[in-house]
């Protein structure tokens, strides 16, 4: 591995487009924290607010409370999909979720990263695309640039760093404890 001396003070974020101006960003962060993520916020209001901030959400979709969405204007969710509590959609770049997708509790979808070769640790972001009929089980993590094919299953706690073909089961390695 090549040694890189980092100078984080020189970080510029060049090439990253937040997609909206500062006022909209601040307004989203306030409304999201005060209303959208709260248990008492009705689903219809939650979806209406997300769409008002630019999200595209299909008919019949359920987005539970305590779902954190970094930028709603970079989110597309198909029809009849579910997004479970404590999911974090860190979508510095677009996240596209197909129809009939189940994203279980505490999943992390992270489109952001950094260029490890950059001395100023500049962004190395890429979108995430999830096909139709996918199930992403609890506490799974999908990283930047991943595409999950239709009808695939991502098991609990799995870490996905590369594309997953359609009709694939991806599970985290099992820890063996004891004498078995």
N, C-alpha and C. Protein backbone atom coordinates (compact mmCIF):
# COMPACT_ATOMS: atom_id res chain seq x y z
N UNK A 1 0.84 -1.17 0.00
CA UNK A 1 0.00 0.00 0.00
C UNK A 1 0.89 1.24 0.00
N UNK A 2 0.54 2.20 -0.83
CA UNK A 2 1.31 3.43 -0.95
C UNK A 2 1.03 4.33 0.25
N UNK A 3 2.07 4.89 0.79
CA UNK A 3 1.96 5.80 1.94
C UNK A 3 1.57 7.19 1.43
N UNK A 4 0.54 7.77 2.03
CA UNK A 4 0.09 9.12 1.66
C UNK A 4 0.09 9.98 2.91
N UNK A 5 0.80 11.10 2.86
CA UNK A 5 0.74 12.07 3.95
C UNK A 5 -0.52 12.90 3.76
N UNK A 6 -1.39 12.86 4.73
CA UNK A 6 -2.67 13.56 4.63
C UNK A 6 -2.55 14.99 5.17
N UNK A 7 -3.26 15.88 4.50
CA UNK A 7 -3.41 17.25 4.95
C UNK A 7 -4.90 17.57 4.88
N UNK A 8 -5.63 17.17 5.90
CA UNK A 8 -7.08 17.34 5.90
C UNK A 8 -7.48 18.82 5.87
N UNK A 9 -6.61 19.69 6.31
CA UNK A 9 -6.90 21.13 6.26
C UNK A 9 -7.05 21.60 4.82
N UNK A 10 -6.49 20.87 3.87
CA UNK A 10 -6.57 21.24 2.47
C UNK A 10 -7.80 20.69 1.75
N UNK A 11 -8.64 19.96 2.46
CA UNK A 11 -9.84 19.36 1.86
C UNK A 11 -10.72 20.44 1.24
N UNK A 12 -11.17 20.22 -0.02
CA UNK A 12 -12.00 21.20 -0.70
C UNK A 12 -13.41 20.69 -0.99
N UNK A 13 -13.59 19.38 -1.08
CA UNK A 13 -14.88 18.83 -1.47
C UNK A 13 -15.19 19.06 -2.94
N UNK A 14 -14.17 19.34 -3.73
CA UNK A 14 -14.36 19.67 -5.14
C UNK A 14 -15.12 18.55 -5.86
N UNK A 15 -16.04 19.00 -6.71
CA UNK A 15 -16.83 18.06 -7.50
C UNK A 15 -18.11 17.59 -6.84
N UNK A 16 -18.29 17.88 -5.55
CA UNK A 16 -19.49 17.44 -4.86
C UNK A 16 -20.57 18.51 -4.95
N UNK A 17 -21.72 18.12 -5.48
CA UNK A 17 -22.86 19.02 -5.64
C UNK A 17 -23.96 18.58 -4.68
N UNK A 18 -24.25 19.40 -3.69
CA UNK A 18 -25.29 19.07 -2.71
C UNK A 18 -26.68 19.07 -3.34
N UNK A 19 -26.85 19.74 -4.46
CA UNK A 19 -28.11 19.68 -5.17
C UNK A 19 -29.12 20.75 -4.82
N UNK A 20 -28.93 21.44 -3.74
CA UNK A 20 -29.81 22.53 -3.33
C UNK A 20 -28.96 23.58 -2.60
N UNK A 21 -29.50 24.78 -2.50
CA UNK A 21 -28.81 25.86 -1.81
C UNK A 21 -28.81 25.69 -0.31
N UNK A 22 -28.02 26.52 0.35
CA UNK A 22 -27.84 26.45 1.80
C UNK A 22 -29.15 26.61 2.56
N UNK A 23 -30.01 27.50 2.12
CA UNK A 23 -31.28 27.73 2.84
C UNK A 23 -32.13 26.46 2.83
N UNK A 24 -32.23 25.80 1.68
CA UNK A 24 -33.02 24.56 1.58
C UNK A 24 -32.38 23.46 2.41
N UNK A 25 -31.06 23.38 2.39
CA UNK A 25 -30.37 22.37 3.19
C UNK A 25 -30.68 22.56 4.67
N UNK A 26 -30.58 23.78 5.16
CA UNK A 26 -30.85 24.07 6.57
C UNK A 26 -32.31 23.78 6.90
N UNK A 27 -33.21 24.21 6.04
CA UNK A 27 -34.64 23.95 6.25
C UNK A 27 -34.91 22.45 6.32
N UNK A 28 -34.30 21.67 5.43
CA UNK A 28 -34.48 20.22 5.45
C UNK A 28 -33.99 19.64 6.78
N UNK A 29 -32.80 20.03 7.20
CA UNK A 29 -32.25 19.48 8.44
C UNK A 29 -33.13 19.80 9.64
N UNK A 30 -33.71 20.99 9.68
CA UNK A 30 -34.61 21.37 10.78
C UNK A 30 -35.90 20.55 10.72
N UNK A 31 -36.55 20.53 9.55
CA UNK A 31 -37.83 19.82 9.40
C UNK A 31 -37.64 18.31 9.60
N UNK A 32 -36.57 17.78 9.08
CA UNK A 32 -36.30 16.35 9.23
C UNK A 32 -36.14 15.98 10.70
N UNK A 33 -35.32 16.73 11.41
CA UNK A 33 -35.08 16.43 12.81
C UNK A 33 -36.27 16.68 13.71
N UNK A 34 -37.05 17.71 13.39
CA UNK A 34 -38.17 18.09 14.25
C UNK A 34 -39.46 17.33 13.94
N UNK A 35 -39.64 16.87 12.69
CA UNK A 35 -40.92 16.28 12.30
C UNK A 35 -40.77 14.91 11.65
N UNK A 36 -40.03 14.83 10.54
CA UNK A 36 -40.03 13.64 9.68
C UNK A 36 -39.59 12.38 10.42
N UNK A 37 -38.58 12.47 11.25
CA UNK A 37 -38.05 11.27 11.91
C UNK A 37 -38.81 10.89 13.18
N UNK A 38 -39.77 11.68 13.59
CA UNK A 38 -40.47 11.46 14.87
C UNK A 38 -41.55 10.40 14.76
N UNK A 39 -41.76 9.63 15.82
CA UNK A 39 -42.74 8.54 15.83
C UNK A 39 -44.15 9.04 15.65
N UNK A 40 -44.42 10.26 16.08
CA UNK A 40 -45.77 10.80 16.02
C UNK A 40 -46.13 11.39 14.66
N UNK A 41 -45.18 11.50 13.77
CA UNK A 41 -45.44 12.06 12.44
C UNK A 41 -46.18 11.01 11.59
N UNK A 42 -47.41 11.31 11.16
CA UNK A 42 -48.15 10.35 10.34
C UNK A 42 -47.44 10.07 9.01
N UNK A 43 -47.60 8.85 8.53
CA UNK A 43 -46.94 8.44 7.29
C UNK A 43 -47.25 9.41 6.14
N UNK A 44 -48.49 9.77 5.97
CA UNK A 44 -48.84 10.66 4.85
C UNK A 44 -48.12 11.99 4.94
N UNK A 45 -48.01 12.54 6.14
CA UNK A 45 -47.27 13.80 6.31
C UNK A 45 -45.80 13.60 6.03
N UNK A 46 -45.24 12.50 6.53
CA UNK A 46 -43.81 12.19 6.31
C UNK A 46 -43.52 12.13 4.80
N UNK A 47 -44.34 11.39 4.07
CA UNK A 47 -44.14 11.25 2.63
C UNK A 47 -44.35 12.58 1.91
N UNK A 48 -45.35 13.35 2.33
CA UNK A 48 -45.61 14.65 1.71
C UNK A 48 -44.41 15.58 1.89
N UNK A 49 -43.84 15.60 3.09
CA UNK A 49 -42.68 16.46 3.36
C UNK A 49 -41.49 16.01 2.51
N UNK A 50 -41.24 14.71 2.46
CA UNK A 50 -40.14 14.21 1.64
C UNK A 50 -40.31 14.61 0.18
N UNK A 51 -41.52 14.47 -0.33
CA UNK A 51 -41.77 14.84 -1.72
C UNK A 51 -41.67 16.36 -1.92
N UNK A 52 -42.09 17.13 -0.93
CA UNK A 52 -41.98 18.59 -1.02
C UNK A 52 -40.51 19.02 -1.11
N UNK A 53 -39.63 18.22 -0.52
CA UNK A 53 -38.19 18.50 -0.59
C UNK A 53 -37.51 17.80 -1.77
N UNK A 54 -38.31 17.18 -2.66
CA UNK A 54 -37.75 16.67 -3.90
C UNK A 54 -37.61 15.17 -4.03
N UNK A 55 -37.96 14.40 -3.00
CA UNK A 55 -37.90 12.94 -3.12
C UNK A 55 -38.98 12.47 -4.07
N UNK A 56 -38.72 11.37 -4.76
CA UNK A 56 -39.72 10.73 -5.60
C UNK A 56 -40.09 9.41 -4.91
N UNK A 57 -41.34 9.30 -4.50
CA UNK A 57 -41.77 8.14 -3.71
C UNK A 57 -43.00 7.53 -4.36
N UNK A 58 -42.92 6.24 -4.66
CA UNK A 58 -44.01 5.55 -5.33
C UNK A 58 -45.19 5.27 -4.42
N UNK A 59 -46.32 4.99 -5.03
CA UNK A 59 -47.57 4.67 -4.33
C UNK A 59 -47.36 3.43 -3.46
N UNK A 60 -47.96 3.45 -2.27
CA UNK A 60 -47.94 2.30 -1.39
C UNK A 60 -46.65 2.11 -0.61
N UNK A 61 -45.75 3.07 -0.66
CA UNK A 61 -44.47 2.94 0.03
C UNK A 61 -44.60 3.35 1.49
N UNK A 62 -43.90 2.62 2.34
CA UNK A 62 -43.90 2.87 3.78
C UNK A 62 -42.48 3.26 4.20
N UNK A 63 -42.35 4.46 4.73
CA UNK A 63 -41.07 4.90 5.30
C UNK A 63 -41.34 5.16 6.78
N UNK A 64 -40.77 4.32 7.62
CA UNK A 64 -41.03 4.39 9.06
C UNK A 64 -40.35 5.60 9.70
N UNK A 65 -40.73 5.84 10.96
CA UNK A 65 -40.09 6.92 11.71
C UNK A 65 -38.64 6.54 12.01
N UNK A 66 -37.86 7.51 12.39
CA UNK A 66 -36.43 7.37 12.68
C UNK A 66 -35.61 6.93 11.47
N UNK A 67 -36.15 7.13 10.25
CA UNK A 67 -35.35 6.93 9.04
C UNK A 67 -34.67 8.25 8.73
N UNK A 68 -33.35 8.24 8.67
CA UNK A 68 -32.58 9.45 8.36
C UNK A 68 -32.26 9.47 6.88
N UNK A 69 -32.62 10.55 6.23
CA UNK A 69 -32.35 10.73 4.80
C UNK A 69 -31.54 12.01 4.68
N UNK A 70 -30.32 11.89 4.18
CA UNK A 70 -29.44 13.06 4.13
C UNK A 70 -30.00 14.13 3.20
N UNK A 71 -30.22 13.82 1.94
CA UNK A 71 -30.79 14.77 0.99
C UNK A 71 -31.97 14.13 0.28
N UNK A 72 -33.20 14.51 0.60
CA UNK A 72 -34.37 13.87 -0.03
C UNK A 72 -34.42 14.08 -1.54
N UNK A 73 -33.88 15.16 -2.04
CA UNK A 73 -33.89 15.44 -3.48
C UNK A 73 -32.98 14.49 -4.24
N UNK A 74 -32.24 13.65 -3.54
CA UNK A 74 -31.40 12.64 -4.19
C UNK A 74 -31.92 11.23 -3.88
N UNK A 75 -33.23 11.11 -3.64
CA UNK A 75 -33.83 9.82 -3.30
C UNK A 75 -35.01 9.51 -4.22
N UNK A 76 -35.00 8.31 -4.79
CA UNK A 76 -36.11 7.78 -5.57
C UNK A 76 -36.46 6.42 -4.99
N UNK A 77 -37.73 6.25 -4.60
CA UNK A 77 -38.21 4.98 -4.07
C UNK A 77 -39.41 4.55 -4.90
N UNK A 78 -39.40 3.30 -5.35
CA UNK A 78 -40.49 2.78 -6.17
C UNK A 78 -41.75 2.50 -5.37
N UNK A 79 -42.66 1.78 -5.98
CA UNK A 79 -43.95 1.49 -5.38
C UNK A 79 -43.88 0.32 -4.41
N UNK A 80 -44.74 0.39 -3.38
CA UNK A 80 -44.94 -0.72 -2.43
C UNK A 80 -43.64 -1.18 -1.77
N UNK A 81 -42.75 -0.26 -1.49
CA UNK A 81 -41.50 -0.58 -0.81
C UNK A 81 -41.57 -0.16 0.65
N UNK A 82 -40.77 -0.78 1.48
CA UNK A 82 -40.72 -0.50 2.92
C UNK A 82 -39.31 -0.10 3.31
N UNK A 83 -39.21 0.92 4.15
CA UNK A 83 -37.92 1.31 4.72
C UNK A 83 -38.09 1.34 6.23
N UNK A 84 -37.33 0.49 6.94
CA UNK A 84 -37.51 0.27 8.36
C UNK A 84 -36.83 1.30 9.25
N UNK A 85 -37.28 1.29 10.50
CA UNK A 85 -36.78 2.22 11.52
C UNK A 85 -35.26 2.16 11.63
N UNK A 86 -34.71 3.30 11.95
CA UNK A 86 -33.27 3.49 12.19
C UNK A 86 -32.41 3.28 10.94
N UNK A 87 -33.03 3.19 9.78
CA UNK A 87 -32.24 3.15 8.55
C UNK A 87 -31.64 4.52 8.30
N UNK A 88 -30.42 4.54 7.81
CA UNK A 88 -29.75 5.80 7.47
C UNK A 88 -29.41 5.76 5.99
N UNK A 89 -30.01 6.66 5.23
CA UNK A 89 -29.71 6.81 3.82
C UNK A 89 -28.81 8.04 3.68
N UNK A 90 -27.51 7.78 3.68
CA UNK A 90 -26.52 8.85 3.57
C UNK A 90 -26.25 9.06 2.08
N UNK A 91 -27.18 9.77 1.45
CA UNK A 91 -27.16 9.90 -0.01
C UNK A 91 -26.57 11.24 -0.46
N UNK A 92 -25.25 11.31 -0.38
CA UNK A 92 -24.55 12.44 -0.98
C UNK A 92 -24.72 12.40 -2.49
N UNK A 93 -24.92 11.22 -3.02
CA UNK A 93 -25.24 10.98 -4.44
C UNK A 93 -26.59 10.27 -4.48
N UNK A 94 -27.20 10.13 -5.66
CA UNK A 94 -28.54 9.53 -5.72
C UNK A 94 -28.59 8.09 -5.19
N UNK A 95 -29.70 7.80 -4.51
CA UNK A 95 -30.07 6.44 -4.12
C UNK A 95 -31.39 6.15 -4.80
N UNK A 96 -31.42 5.05 -5.54
CA UNK A 96 -32.63 4.62 -6.23
C UNK A 96 -33.02 3.25 -5.70
N UNK A 97 -34.26 3.15 -5.22
CA UNK A 97 -34.81 1.92 -4.66
C UNK A 97 -35.97 1.49 -5.54
N UNK A 98 -35.98 0.24 -5.97
CA UNK A 98 -37.02 -0.25 -6.87
C UNK A 98 -38.35 -0.49 -6.19
N UNK A 99 -39.23 -1.21 -6.90
CA UNK A 99 -40.55 -1.57 -6.40
C UNK A 99 -40.45 -2.81 -5.52
N UNK A 100 -41.35 -2.89 -4.53
CA UNK A 100 -41.47 -4.07 -3.67
C UNK A 100 -40.15 -4.44 -3.00
N UNK A 101 -39.45 -3.44 -2.52
CA UNK A 101 -38.17 -3.62 -1.82
C UNK A 101 -38.42 -3.50 -0.33
N UNK A 102 -37.84 -4.39 0.45
CA UNK A 102 -37.88 -4.31 1.91
C UNK A 102 -36.48 -3.97 2.41
N UNK A 103 -36.34 -2.78 2.97
CA UNK A 103 -35.10 -2.38 3.63
C UNK A 103 -35.40 -2.43 5.11
N UNK A 104 -34.83 -3.41 5.79
CA UNK A 104 -35.15 -3.65 7.20
C UNK A 104 -34.51 -2.61 8.11
N UNK A 105 -34.68 -2.81 9.41
CA UNK A 105 -34.23 -1.85 10.41
C UNK A 105 -32.71 -1.71 10.43
N UNK A 106 -32.29 -0.48 10.69
CA UNK A 106 -30.88 -0.13 10.94
C UNK A 106 -29.95 -0.42 9.78
N UNK A 107 -30.46 -0.37 8.57
CA UNK A 107 -29.62 -0.53 7.37
C UNK A 107 -28.91 0.80 7.11
N UNK A 108 -27.68 0.73 6.59
CA UNK A 108 -26.94 1.92 6.16
C UNK A 108 -26.71 1.84 4.66
N UNK A 109 -27.21 2.85 3.94
CA UNK A 109 -26.92 3.03 2.52
C UNK A 109 -26.04 4.26 2.43
N UNK A 110 -24.76 4.07 2.11
CA UNK A 110 -23.79 5.17 2.16
C UNK A 110 -23.15 5.39 0.79
N UNK A 111 -23.53 6.50 0.15
CA UNK A 111 -22.98 6.82 -1.17
C UNK A 111 -21.66 7.60 -1.08
N UNK A 112 -21.26 7.96 0.11
CA UNK A 112 -20.07 8.79 0.27
C UNK A 112 -18.83 8.00 0.66
N UNK A 113 -17.70 8.48 0.20
CA UNK A 113 -16.42 7.92 0.60
C UNK A 113 -15.36 8.98 0.33
N UNK A 114 -14.11 8.60 0.52
CA UNK A 114 -12.99 9.50 0.26
C UNK A 114 -11.94 8.76 -0.56
N UNK A 115 -11.21 9.51 -1.33
CA UNK A 115 -10.13 8.97 -2.15
C UNK A 115 -8.91 8.77 -1.26
N UNK A 116 -8.59 7.53 -0.96
CA UNK A 116 -7.47 7.24 -0.06
C UNK A 116 -6.13 7.65 -0.64
N UNK A 117 -6.06 7.89 -1.95
CA UNK A 117 -4.82 8.33 -2.59
C UNK A 117 -4.67 9.84 -2.59
N UNK A 118 -5.74 10.55 -2.26
CA UNK A 118 -5.72 12.01 -2.27
C UNK A 118 -5.07 12.53 -0.99
N UNK A 119 -4.08 13.39 -1.11
CA UNK A 119 -3.46 13.95 0.10
C UNK A 119 -4.42 14.81 0.91
N UNK A 120 -5.48 15.34 0.26
CA UNK A 120 -6.46 16.15 0.98
C UNK A 120 -7.75 15.36 1.24
N UNK A 121 -7.74 14.04 0.95
CA UNK A 121 -8.85 13.13 1.28
C UNK A 121 -10.15 13.56 0.62
N UNK A 122 -10.07 13.94 -0.67
CA UNK A 122 -11.24 14.42 -1.40
C UNK A 122 -12.30 13.33 -1.53
N UNK A 123 -13.52 13.74 -1.80
CA UNK A 123 -14.63 12.80 -1.94
C UNK A 123 -14.40 11.82 -3.08
N UNK A 124 -14.92 10.63 -2.89
CA UNK A 124 -14.99 9.59 -3.92
C UNK A 124 -16.36 8.96 -3.79
N UNK A 125 -17.40 9.70 -4.17
CA UNK A 125 -18.79 9.29 -3.98
C UNK A 125 -19.32 8.61 -5.23
N UNK A 126 -20.38 7.82 -5.07
CA UNK A 126 -21.05 7.20 -6.21
C UNK A 126 -22.44 6.76 -5.77
N UNK A 127 -23.41 6.73 -6.70
CA UNK A 127 -24.79 6.38 -6.36
C UNK A 127 -24.95 4.92 -5.97
N UNK A 128 -26.08 4.62 -5.35
CA UNK A 128 -26.49 3.25 -5.02
C UNK A 128 -27.81 2.99 -5.72
N UNK A 129 -27.92 1.81 -6.35
CA UNK A 129 -29.15 1.41 -7.04
C UNK A 129 -29.58 0.05 -6.53
N UNK A 130 -30.85 -0.04 -6.11
CA UNK A 130 -31.41 -1.28 -5.59
C UNK A 130 -32.56 -1.69 -6.50
N UNK A 131 -32.49 -2.89 -7.06
CA UNK A 131 -33.50 -3.36 -8.01
C UNK A 131 -34.82 -3.73 -7.35
N UNK A 132 -35.74 -4.21 -8.15
CA UNK A 132 -37.07 -4.60 -7.69
C UNK A 132 -37.02 -5.90 -6.88
N UNK A 133 -37.91 -6.00 -5.88
CA UNK A 133 -38.07 -7.24 -5.13
C UNK A 133 -36.91 -7.61 -4.23
N UNK A 134 -36.05 -6.68 -3.91
CA UNK A 134 -34.86 -6.93 -3.08
C UNK A 134 -35.26 -6.86 -1.60
N UNK A 135 -34.63 -7.69 -0.79
CA UNK A 135 -34.74 -7.60 0.66
C UNK A 135 -33.35 -7.34 1.21
N UNK A 136 -33.22 -6.24 1.95
CA UNK A 136 -31.97 -5.92 2.64
C UNK A 136 -32.26 -6.06 4.13
N UNK A 137 -31.69 -7.07 4.75
CA UNK A 137 -32.01 -7.41 6.13
C UNK A 137 -31.31 -6.47 7.12
N UNK A 138 -31.71 -6.57 8.36
CA UNK A 138 -31.30 -5.65 9.42
C UNK A 138 -29.79 -5.48 9.52
N UNK A 139 -29.40 -4.24 9.70
CA UNK A 139 -28.02 -3.82 9.93
C UNK A 139 -27.05 -4.10 8.80
N UNK A 140 -27.57 -4.37 7.61
CA UNK A 140 -26.69 -4.52 6.45
C UNK A 140 -26.17 -3.13 6.06
N UNK A 141 -25.03 -3.11 5.39
CA UNK A 141 -24.42 -1.87 4.92
C UNK A 141 -24.10 -2.00 3.44
N UNK A 142 -24.57 -1.04 2.66
CA UNK A 142 -24.24 -0.97 1.24
C UNK A 142 -23.41 0.28 1.03
N UNK A 143 -22.27 0.13 0.37
CA UNK A 143 -21.36 1.26 0.17
C UNK A 143 -21.46 1.83 -1.23
N UNK A 144 -20.80 2.93 -1.44
CA UNK A 144 -20.84 3.73 -2.65
C UNK A 144 -20.71 2.89 -3.93
N UNK A 145 -21.55 3.26 -4.90
CA UNK A 145 -21.44 2.66 -6.22
C UNK A 145 -22.07 1.29 -6.39
N UNK A 146 -22.67 0.74 -5.36
CA UNK A 146 -23.22 -0.61 -5.42
C UNK A 146 -24.53 -0.63 -6.19
N UNK A 147 -24.71 -1.68 -6.99
CA UNK A 147 -25.97 -1.97 -7.66
C UNK A 147 -26.40 -3.36 -7.21
N UNK A 148 -27.63 -3.45 -6.68
CA UNK A 148 -28.17 -4.74 -6.23
C UNK A 148 -29.24 -5.15 -7.24
N UNK A 149 -29.05 -6.32 -7.84
CA UNK A 149 -29.97 -6.79 -8.87
C UNK A 149 -31.31 -7.24 -8.31
N UNK A 150 -32.29 -7.32 -9.18
CA UNK A 150 -33.65 -7.70 -8.81
C UNK A 150 -33.69 -9.01 -8.02
N UNK A 151 -34.58 -9.03 -7.04
CA UNK A 151 -34.92 -10.22 -6.25
C UNK A 151 -33.77 -10.77 -5.40
N UNK A 152 -32.73 -10.01 -5.22
CA UNK A 152 -31.62 -10.46 -4.38
C UNK A 152 -31.95 -10.25 -2.92
N UNK A 153 -31.26 -11.00 -2.06
CA UNK A 153 -31.41 -10.87 -0.61
C UNK A 153 -30.04 -10.57 -0.03
N UNK A 154 -29.98 -9.49 0.75
CA UNK A 154 -28.77 -9.11 1.46
C UNK A 154 -29.02 -9.45 2.93
N UNK A 155 -28.29 -10.40 3.47
CA UNK A 155 -28.53 -10.89 4.82
C UNK A 155 -28.15 -9.89 5.90
N UNK A 156 -28.63 -10.17 7.09
CA UNK A 156 -28.37 -9.31 8.24
C UNK A 156 -26.88 -9.10 8.43
N UNK A 157 -26.49 -7.89 8.68
CA UNK A 157 -25.13 -7.42 8.96
C UNK A 157 -24.15 -7.55 7.79
N UNK A 158 -24.62 -7.94 6.62
CA UNK A 158 -23.72 -8.08 5.47
C UNK A 158 -23.15 -6.72 5.09
N UNK A 159 -21.91 -6.71 4.63
CA UNK A 159 -21.25 -5.52 4.11
C UNK A 159 -21.11 -5.71 2.61
N UNK A 160 -21.75 -4.83 1.84
CA UNK A 160 -21.76 -4.95 0.38
C UNK A 160 -20.92 -3.82 -0.21
N UNK A 161 -19.83 -4.21 -0.88
CA UNK A 161 -18.91 -3.24 -1.46
C UNK A 161 -18.87 -3.31 -2.98
N UNK A 162 -19.45 -4.37 -3.55
CA UNK A 162 -19.46 -4.57 -5.00
C UNK A 162 -20.88 -4.90 -5.45
N UNK A 163 -21.11 -4.83 -6.75
CA UNK A 163 -22.43 -5.13 -7.29
C UNK A 163 -22.87 -6.54 -6.94
N UNK A 164 -24.19 -6.70 -6.78
CA UNK A 164 -24.80 -7.99 -6.47
C UNK A 164 -25.72 -8.34 -7.64
N UNK A 165 -25.46 -9.47 -8.33
CA UNK A 165 -26.32 -9.84 -9.46
C UNK A 165 -27.74 -10.17 -9.01
N UNK A 166 -28.67 -10.16 -9.94
CA UNK A 166 -30.05 -10.54 -9.65
C UNK A 166 -30.10 -11.95 -9.08
N UNK A 167 -31.12 -12.19 -8.24
CA UNK A 167 -31.40 -13.52 -7.68
C UNK A 167 -30.23 -14.10 -6.89
N UNK A 168 -29.53 -13.24 -6.14
CA UNK A 168 -28.37 -13.65 -5.36
C UNK A 168 -28.65 -13.49 -3.88
N UNK A 169 -28.15 -14.43 -3.08
CA UNK A 169 -28.20 -14.34 -1.63
C UNK A 169 -26.82 -13.98 -1.13
N UNK A 170 -26.70 -12.84 -0.43
CA UNK A 170 -25.43 -12.40 0.14
C UNK A 170 -25.58 -12.39 1.65
N UNK A 171 -24.75 -13.14 2.35
CA UNK A 171 -24.83 -13.17 3.81
C UNK A 171 -23.46 -12.87 4.39
N UNK A 172 -23.49 -12.35 5.62
CA UNK A 172 -22.25 -12.07 6.33
C UNK A 172 -21.62 -13.38 6.77
N UNK A 173 -20.30 -13.44 6.84
CA UNK A 173 -19.66 -14.66 7.35
C UNK A 173 -20.10 -14.94 8.78
N UNK A 174 -20.27 -16.21 9.08
CA UNK A 174 -20.69 -16.59 10.44
C UNK A 174 -19.47 -16.74 11.33
N UNK A 175 -19.60 -16.24 12.53
CA UNK A 175 -18.56 -16.44 13.53
C UNK A 175 -18.79 -17.80 14.19
N UNK A 176 -17.73 -18.54 14.36
CA UNK A 176 -17.84 -19.84 15.01
C UNK A 176 -17.32 -19.67 16.45
N UNK A 177 -18.17 -19.99 17.40
CA UNK A 177 -17.80 -19.84 18.80
C UNK A 177 -17.90 -21.22 19.46
N UNK A 178 -16.91 -21.56 20.25
CA UNK A 178 -16.98 -22.82 20.97
C UNK A 178 -16.38 -23.97 20.15
N UNK A 179 -16.76 -25.19 20.53
CA UNK A 179 -16.13 -26.37 19.97
C UNK A 179 -16.81 -26.99 18.78
N UNK A 180 -17.69 -26.34 18.12
CA UNK A 180 -18.36 -26.95 16.96
C UNK A 180 -17.52 -26.96 15.73
